[in-house]
C-alpha atoms as a PDB file:
ATOM      1  CA  MET A   1     165.675 234.918 208.057  1.00  0.00           C
ATOM      2  CA  SER A   2     166.597 231.479 207.215  1.00  0.00           C
ATOM      3  CA  SER A   3     169.787 229.512 208.049  1.00  0.00           C
ATOM      4  CA  VAL A   4     171.323 230.060 204.582  1.00  0.00           C
ATOM      5  CA  SER A   5     170.875 233.667 204.576  1.00  0.00           C
ATOM      6  CA  LEU A   6     172.473 234.251 207.885  1.00  0.00           C
ATOM      7  CA  SER A   7     175.355 232.094 207.040  1.00  0.00           C
ATOM      8  CA  LEU A   8     175.715 234.014 203.850  1.00  0.00           C
ATOM      9  CA  SER A   9     175.663 237.363 205.845  1.00  0.00           C
ATOM     10  CA  ALA A  10     178.021 235.837 208.471  1.00  0.00           C
ATOM     11  CA  ARG A  11     180.416 235.033 205.557  1.00  0.00           C
ATOM     12  CA  SER A  12     180.238 238.721 204.080  1.00  0.00           C
ATOM     13  CA  ALA A  13     181.067 240.024 207.395  1.00  0.00           C
ATOM     14  CA  VAL A  14     184.005 237.974 207.891  1.00  0.00           C
ATOM     15  CA  ALA A  15     185.136 238.701 204.349  1.00  0.00           C
ATOM     16  CA  GLY A  16     184.707 242.400 204.974  1.00  0.00           C
ATOM     17  CA  ALA A  17     186.756 242.145 208.168  1.00  0.00           C
ATOM     18  CA  LYS A  18     189.612 240.586 206.289  1.00  0.00           C
ATOM     19  CA  VAL A  19     189.826 243.150 203.440  1.00  0.00           C
ATOM     20  CA  PRO A  20     191.773 245.805 205.429  1.00  0.00           C
ATOM     21  CA  VAL A  21     194.388 243.262 206.833  1.00  0.00           C
ATOM     22  CA  ARG A  22     194.811 242.259 203.317  1.00  0.00           C
ATOM     23  CA  ARG A  23     195.442 245.784 202.005  1.00  0.00           C
ATOM     24  CA  ALA A  24     197.555 246.471 204.970  1.00  0.00           C
ATOM     25  CA  ARG A  25     199.985 243.550 204.204  1.00  0.00           C
ATOM     26  CA  ALA A  26     200.068 244.240 200.423  1.00  0.00           C
ATOM     27  CA  ALA A  27     200.874 248.063 201.266  1.00  0.00           C
ATOM     28  CA  ALA A  28     203.586 246.936 203.510  1.00  0.00           C
ATOM     29  CA  ALA A  29     204.858 244.567 200.638  1.00  0.00           C
ATOM     30  CA  LYS A  30     204.766 247.293 197.965  1.00  0.00           C
ATOM     31  CA  ALA A  31     206.604 249.705 200.499  1.00  0.00           C
ATOM     32  CA  THR A  32     209.437 247.257 201.344  1.00  0.00           C
ATOM     33  CA  GLY A  33     209.560 245.671 197.983  1.00  0.00           C
ATOM     34  CA  PRO A  34     209.928 241.891 197.259  1.00  0.00           C
ATOM     35  CA  VAL A  35     213.663 241.616 198.084  1.00  0.00           C
ATOM     36  CA  ASP A  36     216.140 242.004 201.014  1.00  0.00           C
ATOM     37  CA  VAL A  37     219.838 242.539 201.178  1.00  0.00           C
ATOM     38  CA  LEU A  38     221.366 239.900 203.369  1.00  0.00           C
ATOM     39  CA  ALA A  39     224.875 239.507 204.618  1.00  0.00           C
ATOM     40  CA  ALA A  40     226.808 236.416 206.178  1.00  0.00           C
ATOM     41  CA  ALA A  41     230.221 235.705 207.212  1.00  0.00           C
ATOM     42  CA  VAL A  42     231.625 232.540 205.416  1.00  0.00           C
ATOM     43  CA  GLU A  43     234.693 230.447 206.404  1.00  0.00           C
ATOM     44  CA  LYS A  44     237.740 231.297 204.198  1.00  0.00           C
ATOM     45  CA  VAL A  45     240.680 228.738 204.287  1.00  0.00           C
ATOM     46  CA  SER A  46     244.087 228.682 202.364  1.00  0.00           C
ATOM     47  CA  PHE A  47     244.601 226.032 199.794  1.00  0.00           C
ATOM     48  CA  ASP A  48     246.320 223.868 202.301  1.00  0.00           C
ATOM     49  CA  GLY A  49     243.653 224.466 204.841  1.00  0.00           C
ATOM     50  CA  ALA A  50     246.206 225.717 207.341  1.00  0.00           C
ATOM     51  CA  THR A  51     245.117 229.428 207.620  1.00  0.00           C
ATOM     52  CA  LYS A  52     241.388 230.308 208.422  1.00  0.00           C
ATOM     53  CA  SER A  53     239.682 233.631 208.464  1.00  0.00           C
ATOM     54  CA  THR A  54     236.184 234.729 207.354  1.00  0.00           C
ATOM     55  CA  ALA A  55     234.667 236.642 204.218  1.00  0.00           C
ATOM     56  CA  ASP A  56     231.683 238.386 203.559  1.00  0.00           C
ATOM     57  CA  LEU A  57     228.741 237.204 201.363  1.00  0.00           C
ATOM     58  CA  THR A  58     226.188 240.231 200.715  1.00  0.00           C
ATOM     59  CA  LEU A  59     223.621 239.507 198.074  1.00  0.00           C
ATOM     60  CA  LYS A  60     220.211 240.857 197.025  1.00  0.00           C
ATOM     61  CA  THR A  61     217.621 237.931 197.819  1.00  0.00           C
ATOM     62  CA  ALA A  62     214.043 237.542 197.725  1.00  0.00           C
ATOM     63  CA  ARG A  63     212.072 238.214 200.874  1.00  0.00           C
ATOM     64  CA  ALA A  64     211.444 235.191 203.155  1.00  0.00           C
ATOM     65  CA  ASP A  65     208.011 234.796 202.335  1.00  0.00           C
ATOM     66  CA  VAL A  66     208.391 234.441 198.673  1.00  0.00           C
ATOM     67  CA  ALA A  67     212.136 232.963 198.473  1.00  0.00           C
ATOM     68  CA  LYS A  68     211.034 229.327 198.682  1.00  0.00           C
ATOM     69  CA  GLY A  69     208.448 229.404 195.961  1.00  0.00           C
ATOM     70  CA  LEU A  70     210.747 231.618 193.719  1.00  0.00           C
ATOM     71  CA  VAL A  71     213.587 229.104 194.164  1.00  0.00           C
ATOM     72  CA  HIS A  72     211.525 226.343 193.675  1.00  0.00           C
ATOM     73  CA  LYS A  73     210.079 227.645 190.558  1.00  0.00           C
ATOM     74  CA  TYR A  74     213.555 228.225 189.116  1.00  0.00           C
ATOM     75  CA  VAL A  75     214.687 224.560 189.977  1.00  0.00           C
ATOM     76  CA  VAL A  76     211.675 223.297 188.166  1.00  0.00           C
ATOM     77  CA  MET A  77     212.484 225.210 185.045  1.00  0.00           C
ATOM     78  CA  VAL A  78     216.180 224.112 185.134  1.00  0.00           C
ATOM     79  CA  ARG A  79     215.354 220.329 185.591  1.00  0.00           C
ATOM     80  CA  GLN A  80     212.442 220.465 182.976  1.00  0.00           C
ATOM     81  CA  ASN A  81     214.816 222.288 180.471  1.00  0.00           C
ATOM     82  CA  ALA A  82     217.295 219.543 180.818  1.00  0.00           C
ATOM     83  CA  ARG A  83     214.810 217.039 179.348  1.00  0.00           C
ATOM     84  CA  ARG A  84     215.859 216.213 175.805  1.00  0.00           C
ATOM     85  CA  GLY A  85     212.394 215.271 174.637  1.00  0.00           C
ATOM     86  CA  THR A  86     213.668 212.712 172.063  1.00  0.00           C
ATOM     87  CA  ALA A  87     211.520 209.775 173.473  1.00  0.00           C
ATOM     88  CA  SER A  88     209.625 208.325 170.078  1.00  0.00           C
ATOM     89  CA  THR A  89     207.501 205.357 169.312  1.00  0.00           C
ATOM     90  CA  LEU A  90     206.007 203.843 166.171  1.00  0.00           C
ATOM     91  CA  THR A  91     202.256 203.952 165.494  1.00  0.00           C
ATOM     92  CA  LYS A  92     200.369 201.475 163.462  1.00  0.00           C
ATOM     93  CA  SER A  93     201.111 203.274 160.192  1.00  0.00           C
ATOM     94  CA  GLU A  94     204.754 203.724 160.988  1.00  0.00           C
ATOM     95  CA  VAL A  95     205.436 199.911 161.901  1.00  0.00           C
ATOM     96  CA  ARG A  96     207.192 197.830 159.075  1.00  0.00           C
ATOM     97  CA  GLY A  97     204.552 195.220 157.328  1.00  0.00           C
ATOM     98  CA  GLY A  98     200.974 195.021 157.959  1.00  0.00           C
ATOM     99  CA  GLY A  99     199.852 196.317 154.589  1.00  0.00           C
ATOM    100  CA  ARG A 100     198.078 193.062 153.574  1.00  0.00           C
ATOM    101  CA  LYS A 101     194.622 192.025 155.340  1.00  0.00           C
ATOM    102  CA  PRO A 102     195.667 188.971 157.417  1.00  0.00           C
ATOM    103  CA  PHE A 103     192.355 186.880 156.685  1.00  0.00           C
ATOM    104  CA  ASN A 104     188.885 187.152 154.934  1.00  0.00           C
ATOM    105  CA  GLN A 105     186.419 189.572 156.947  1.00  0.00           C
ATOM    106  CA  LYS A 106     183.773 186.444 157.258  1.00  0.00           C
ATOM    107  CA  GLY A 107     183.742 182.988 157.550  1.00  0.00           C
ATOM    108  CA  THR A 108     186.979 182.376 159.782  1.00  0.00           C
ATOM    109  CA  GLY A 109     185.166 182.648 163.167  1.00  0.00           C
ATOM    110  CA  ASN A 110     187.788 185.273 164.084  1.00  0.00           C
ATOM    111  CA  ALA A 111     187.156 188.757 165.059  1.00  0.00           C
ATOM    112  CA  ARG A 112     187.782 190.927 161.758  1.00  0.00           C
ATOM    113  CA  ALA A 113     191.296 192.397 161.375  1.00  0.00           C
ATOM    114  CA  GLY A 114     192.916 194.739 159.000  1.00  0.00           C
ATOM    115  CA  SER A 115     196.336 194.583 159.778  1.00  0.00           C
ATOM    116  CA  ILE A 116     198.875 192.297 161.707  1.00  0.00           C
ATOM    117  CA  ARG A 117     200.448 195.625 163.157  1.00  0.00           C
ATOM    118  CA  SER A 118     197.384 196.496 165.127  1.00  0.00           C
ATOM    119  CA  PRO A 119     198.272 197.813 168.824  1.00  0.00           C
ATOM    120  CA  LEU A 120     196.499 195.061 170.076  1.00  0.00           C
ATOM    121  CA  LYS A 121     198.877 192.380 168.679  1.00  0.00           C
ATOM    122  CA  PRO A 122     202.718 191.585 169.367  1.00  0.00           C
ATOM    123  CA  GLY A 123     204.961 193.604 167.158  1.00  0.00           C
ATOM    124  CA  GLY A 124     202.094 196.344 166.303  1.00  0.00           C
ATOM    125  CA  GLY A 125     202.373 199.716 166.842  1.00  0.00           C
ATOM    126  CA  VAL A 126     201.744 201.916 170.051  1.00  0.00           C
ATOM    127  CA  SER A 127     198.629 203.752 170.959  1.00  0.00           C
ATOM    128  CA  PHE A 128     199.188 207.079 172.234  1.00  0.00           C
ATOM    129  CA  GLY A 129     202.929 206.786 172.696  1.00  0.00           C
ATOM    130  CA  PRO A 130     205.545 209.623 173.232  1.00  0.00           C
ATOM    131  CA  LYS A 131     206.493 211.683 170.411  1.00  0.00           C
ATOM    132  CA  PRO A 132     209.643 214.021 170.245  1.00  0.00           C
ATOM    133  CA  LYS A 133     208.422 217.138 172.204  1.00  0.00           C
ATOM    134  CA  ASP A 134     210.029 220.320 173.651  1.00  0.00           C
ATOM    135  CA  TRP A 135     209.566 220.365 177.253  1.00  0.00           C
ATOM    136  CA  SER A 136     211.263 223.696 177.683  1.00  0.00           C
ATOM    137  CA  ILE A 137     209.535 226.495 179.918  1.00  0.00           C
ATOM    138  CA  LYS A 138     210.510 230.189 180.462  1.00  0.00           C
ATOM    139  CA  MET A 139     211.184 232.256 183.512  1.00  0.00           C
ATOM    140  CA  ASN A 140     211.997 236.132 183.398  1.00  0.00           C
ATOM    141  CA  LYS A 141     215.723 236.991 183.580  1.00  0.00           C
ATOM    142  CA  LYS A 142     215.587 238.974 186.856  1.00  0.00           C
ATOM    143  CA  GLU A 143     213.463 236.326 188.479  1.00  0.00           C
ATOM    144  CA  ARG A 144     216.037 233.690 187.663  1.00  0.00           C
ATOM    145  CA  ARG A 145     218.961 235.978 188.854  1.00  0.00           C
ATOM    146  CA  LEU A 146     217.199 236.803 192.104  1.00  0.00           C
ATOM    147  CA  ALA A 147     216.293 232.988 192.629  1.00  0.00           C
ATOM    148  CA  MET A 148     220.270 232.261 192.185  1.00  0.00           C
ATOM    149  CA  ALA A 149     221.212 234.790 194.500  1.00  0.00           C
ATOM    150  CA  THR A 150     218.703 233.567 197.112  1.00  0.00           C
ATOM    151  CA  ALA A 151     219.870 230.095 196.746  1.00  0.00           C
ATOM    152  CA  ILE A 152     223.659 231.078 197.101  1.00  0.00           C
ATOM    153  CA  GLN A 153     222.871 233.129 199.980  1.00  0.00           C
ATOM    154  CA  SER A 154     220.900 230.236 201.780  1.00  0.00           C
ATOM    155  CA  ALA A 155     224.042 228.242 201.213  1.00  0.00           C
ATOM    156  CA  ALA A 156     226.341 230.449 203.323  1.00  0.00           C
ATOM    157  CA  GLY A 157     226.360 228.023 206.302  1.00  0.00           C
ATOM    158  CA  SER A 158     227.909 225.276 204.275  1.00  0.00           C
ATOM    159  CA  MET A 159     230.117 227.605 202.025  1.00  0.00           C
ATOM    160  CA  ILE A 160     233.879 227.548 202.233  1.00  0.00           C
ATOM    161  CA  VAL A 161     236.107 230.309 200.464  1.00  0.00           C
ATOM    162  CA  VAL A 162     239.461 229.243 199.182  1.00  0.00           C
ATOM    163  CA  ASP A 163     242.457 230.767 197.613  1.00  0.00           C
ATOM    164  CA  ASP A 164     242.213 230.859 193.605  1.00  0.00           C
ATOM    165  CA  LEU A 165     243.079 227.484 192.230  1.00  0.00           C
ATOM    166  CA  GLY A 166     244.736 228.235 189.260  1.00  0.00           C
ATOM    167  CA  ALA A 167     247.830 229.383 191.279  1.00  0.00           C
ATOM    168  CA  ASN A 168     247.860 225.950 193.042  1.00  0.00           C
ATOM    169  CA  VAL A 169     246.739 223.552 190.669  1.00  0.00           C
ATOM    170  CA  SER A 170     249.348 223.269 187.719  1.00  0.00           C
ATOM    171  CA  VAL A 171     248.924 219.684 186.756  1.00  0.00           C
ATOM    172  CA  ALA A 172     245.662 217.798 186.183  1.00  0.00           C
ATOM    173  CA  LYS A 173     245.633 215.275 189.128  1.00  0.00           C
ATOM    174  CA  THR A 174     242.565 213.979 190.902  1.00  0.00           C
ATOM    175  CA  LYS A 175     244.467 213.141 193.912  1.00  0.00           C
ATOM    176  CA  THR A 176     245.653 216.624 194.269  1.00  0.00           C
ATOM    177  CA  MET A 177     242.060 218.059 194.398  1.00  0.00           C
ATOM    178  CA  ALA A 178     240.893 215.159 196.400  1.00  0.00           C
ATOM    179  CA  ASN A 179     243.487 215.923 199.132  1.00  0.00           C
ATOM    180  CA  ALA A 180     242.671 219.742 198.930  1.00  0.00           C
ATOM    181  CA  LEU A 181     239.009 219.209 199.530  1.00  0.00           C
ATOM    182  CA  LYS A 182     239.699 217.067 202.540  1.00  0.00           C
ATOM    183  CA  ALA A 183     241.976 219.948 203.963  1.00  0.00           C
ATOM    184  CA  TRP A 184     239.151 222.397 203.366  1.00  0.00           C
ATOM    185  CA  GLY A 185     236.757 220.435 205.407  1.00  0.00           C
ATOM    186  CA  VAL A 186     234.791 218.356 202.812  1.00  0.00           C
ATOM    187  CA  GLU A 187     234.182 215.038 204.374  1.00  0.00           C
ATOM    188  CA  GLU A 188     234.540 211.598 202.383  1.00  0.00           C
ATOM    189  CA  GLY A 189     231.189 211.042 200.607  1.00  0.00           C
ATOM    190  CA  GLU A 190     229.812 214.545 201.055  1.00  0.00           C
ATOM    191  CA  LYS A 191     228.684 216.245 197.859  1.00  0.00           C
ATOM    192  CA  ALA A 192     230.733 219.454 196.983  1.00  0.00           C
ATOM    193  CA  TYR A 193     230.064 221.983 194.421  1.00  0.00           C
ATOM    194  CA  VAL A 194     233.231 224.051 193.286  1.00  0.00           C
ATOM    195  CA  ILE A 195     232.663 227.485 191.800  1.00  0.00           C
ATOM    196  CA  THR A 196     235.543 228.952 189.933  1.00  0.00           C
ATOM    197  CA  LYS A 197     236.343 232.106 187.797  1.00  0.00           C
ATOM    198  CA  ASP A 198     238.232 231.559 184.675  1.00  0.00           C
ATOM    199  CA  ALA A 199     239.523 227.778 185.707  1.00  0.00           C
ATOM    200  CA  SER A 200     242.249 226.284 183.971  1.00  0.00           C
ATOM    201  CA  ASP A 201     242.257 223.095 182.215  1.00  0.00           C
ATOM    202  CA  ALA A 202     244.173 221.613 185.110  1.00  0.00           C
ATOM    203  CA  VAL A 203     241.628 222.297 187.363  1.00  0.00           C
ATOM    204  CA  LYS A 204     238.722 221.244 185.405  1.00  0.00           C
ATOM    205  CA  LEU A 205     240.332 217.890 184.607  1.00  0.00           C
ATOM    206  CA  SER A 206     241.307 217.302 188.327  1.00  0.00           C
ATOM    207  CA  THR A 207     237.548 217.500 189.476  1.00  0.00           C
ATOM    208  CA  ARG A 208     235.909 215.643 186.439  1.00  0.00           C
ATOM    209  CA  ASN A 209     236.600 212.271 187.348  1.00  0.00           C
ATOM    210  CA  MET A 210     235.335 212.895 190.999  1.00  0.00           C
ATOM    211  CA  ALA A 211     232.084 211.208 191.642  1.00  0.00           C
ATOM    212  CA  LYS A 212     230.476 213.728 194.285  1.00  0.00           C
ATOM    213  CA  VAL A 213     232.349 216.841 193.055  1.00  0.00           C
ATOM    214  CA  VAL A 214     230.845 219.100 190.560  1.00  0.00           C
ATOM    215  CA  GLN A 215     232.983 221.816 189.137  1.00  0.00           C
ATOM    216  CA  SER A 216     231.285 224.815 187.326  1.00  0.00           C
ATOM    217  CA  ASP A 217     232.560 228.463 186.204  1.00  0.00           C
ATOM    218  CA  ILE A 218     230.696 231.559 187.663  1.00  0.00           C
ATOM    219  CA  SER A 219     229.046 232.087 184.331  1.00  0.00           C
ATOM    220  CA  HIS A 220     227.541 228.581 184.053  1.00  0.00           C
ATOM    221  CA  LEU A 221     225.879 228.288 187.617  1.00  0.00           C
ATOM    222  CA  ASN A 222     223.337 225.741 188.248  1.00  0.00           C
ATOM    223  CA  VAL A 223     220.926 226.356 190.973  1.00  0.00           C
ATOM    224  CA  TYR A 224     220.068 222.487 191.335  1.00  0.00           C
ATOM    225  CA  ASP A 225     223.874 221.925 192.115  1.00  0.00           C
ATOM    226  CA  VAL A 226     223.903 224.685 194.527  1.00  0.00           C
ATOM    227  CA  LEU A 227     221.030 223.317 196.559  1.00  0.00           C
ATOM    228  CA  ASN A 228     222.130 219.689 196.274  1.00  0.00           C
ATOM    229  CA  ALA A 229     225.631 220.151 197.285  1.00  0.00           C
ATOM    230  CA  ASP A 230     226.596 219.385 200.945  1.00  0.00           C
ATOM    231  CA  LYS A 231     229.551 221.886 200.842  1.00  0.00           C
ATOM    232  CA  VAL A 232     229.719 224.949 198.386  1.00  0.00           C
ATOM    233  CA  VAL A 233     233.616 225.637 197.657  1.00  0.00           C
ATOM    234  CA  VAL A 234     234.047 229.210 196.065  1.00  0.00           C
ATOM    235  CA  GLU A 235     237.177 230.687 194.983  1.00  0.00           C
ATOM    236  CA  GLU A 236     238.157 234.058 196.294  1.00  0.00           C
ATOM    237  CA  SER A 237     237.873 235.943 192.880  1.00  0.00           C
ATOM    238  CA  ALA A 238     234.529 233.954 192.373  1.00  0.00           C
ATOM    239  CA  LEU A 239     233.046 235.201 195.459  1.00  0.00           C
ATOM    240  CA  LYS A 240     234.115 238.884 194.520  1.00  0.00           C
ATOM    241  CA  TYR A 241     232.379 238.178 191.431  1.00  0.00           C
ATOM    242  CA  ILE A 242     229.195 237.004 193.004  1.00  0.00           C
ATOM    243  CA  ASN A 243     229.065 239.809 195.343  1.00  0.00           C
ATOM    244  CA  ASP A 244     229.547 242.524 192.788  1.00  0.00           C
ATOM    245  CA  PHE A 245     227.055 240.873 190.350  1.00  0.00           C
ATOM    246  CA  TYR A 246     224.472 239.845 192.794  1.00  0.00           C
ATOM    247  CA  GLY A 247     224.923 242.549 195.245  1.00  0.00           C
ATOM    248  CA  ALA A 248     222.490 245.331 195.946  1.00  0.00           C
ATOM    249  CA  GLU A 249     223.707 247.800 193.121  1.00  0.00           C
ATOM    250  CA  GLY A 250     225.105 244.663 191.042  1.00  0.00           C
ATOM    251  CA  GLY A 251     224.863 244.378 187.282  1.00  0.00           C
ATOM    252  CA  ALA A 252     222.282 241.355 187.818  1.00  0.00           C
ATOM    253  CA  TRP A 253     219.654 243.913 188.240  1.00  0.00           C
ATOM    254  CA  ALA A 254     220.445 246.340 185.606  1.00  0.00           C
END
């Protein structure tokens, strides 16, 4: 028997040995499902930062071996869908001018030219330039929600739960919010993502002018902002909504 046939036989034997292992893994994954329900204790502080306790964050998340890929897929979708796709250039036929042949075809010693708006000349059109395009891509709704729940659960270590801001911020003032963030443990220069539920205009305006602070209502969460933040600040009412919606029996999976 030749060395080629021997190597093929060896390959077949190895492949055959791996089949039961793969089937066992697939059966185990099917039995346990692609999700886990994880719980974490997160720090809870009062608005002035004086009183401290803990709150529970219990969400249905993707299993560890698929979580990274699922969240990455969602981040790519969010970032790509943010592209406006309005970049546009003019081709040779769209640039103003160039309708007359610049010189005779023969007898001048120059290379023949039919237009002064050729892409080879200054002021000419652009070859294969960008045109308006829809860059958006899609992802299944339950996949998106599972990815969001997984991202939020992964931020539990840097999460801070605070009293509802509406009762404590009645006037739109950036300094008030800056002092509050400092009291909650958000250091200067850190990026903070503030998650609210039905925030008042005063709360929105107080955070709008802060360079490294992003405020978002619970119905407009952004997975990129969750992952990009150094500290995730969540209102108590917003945390309850997150637990109810993304929990094991939450409305996200209905």
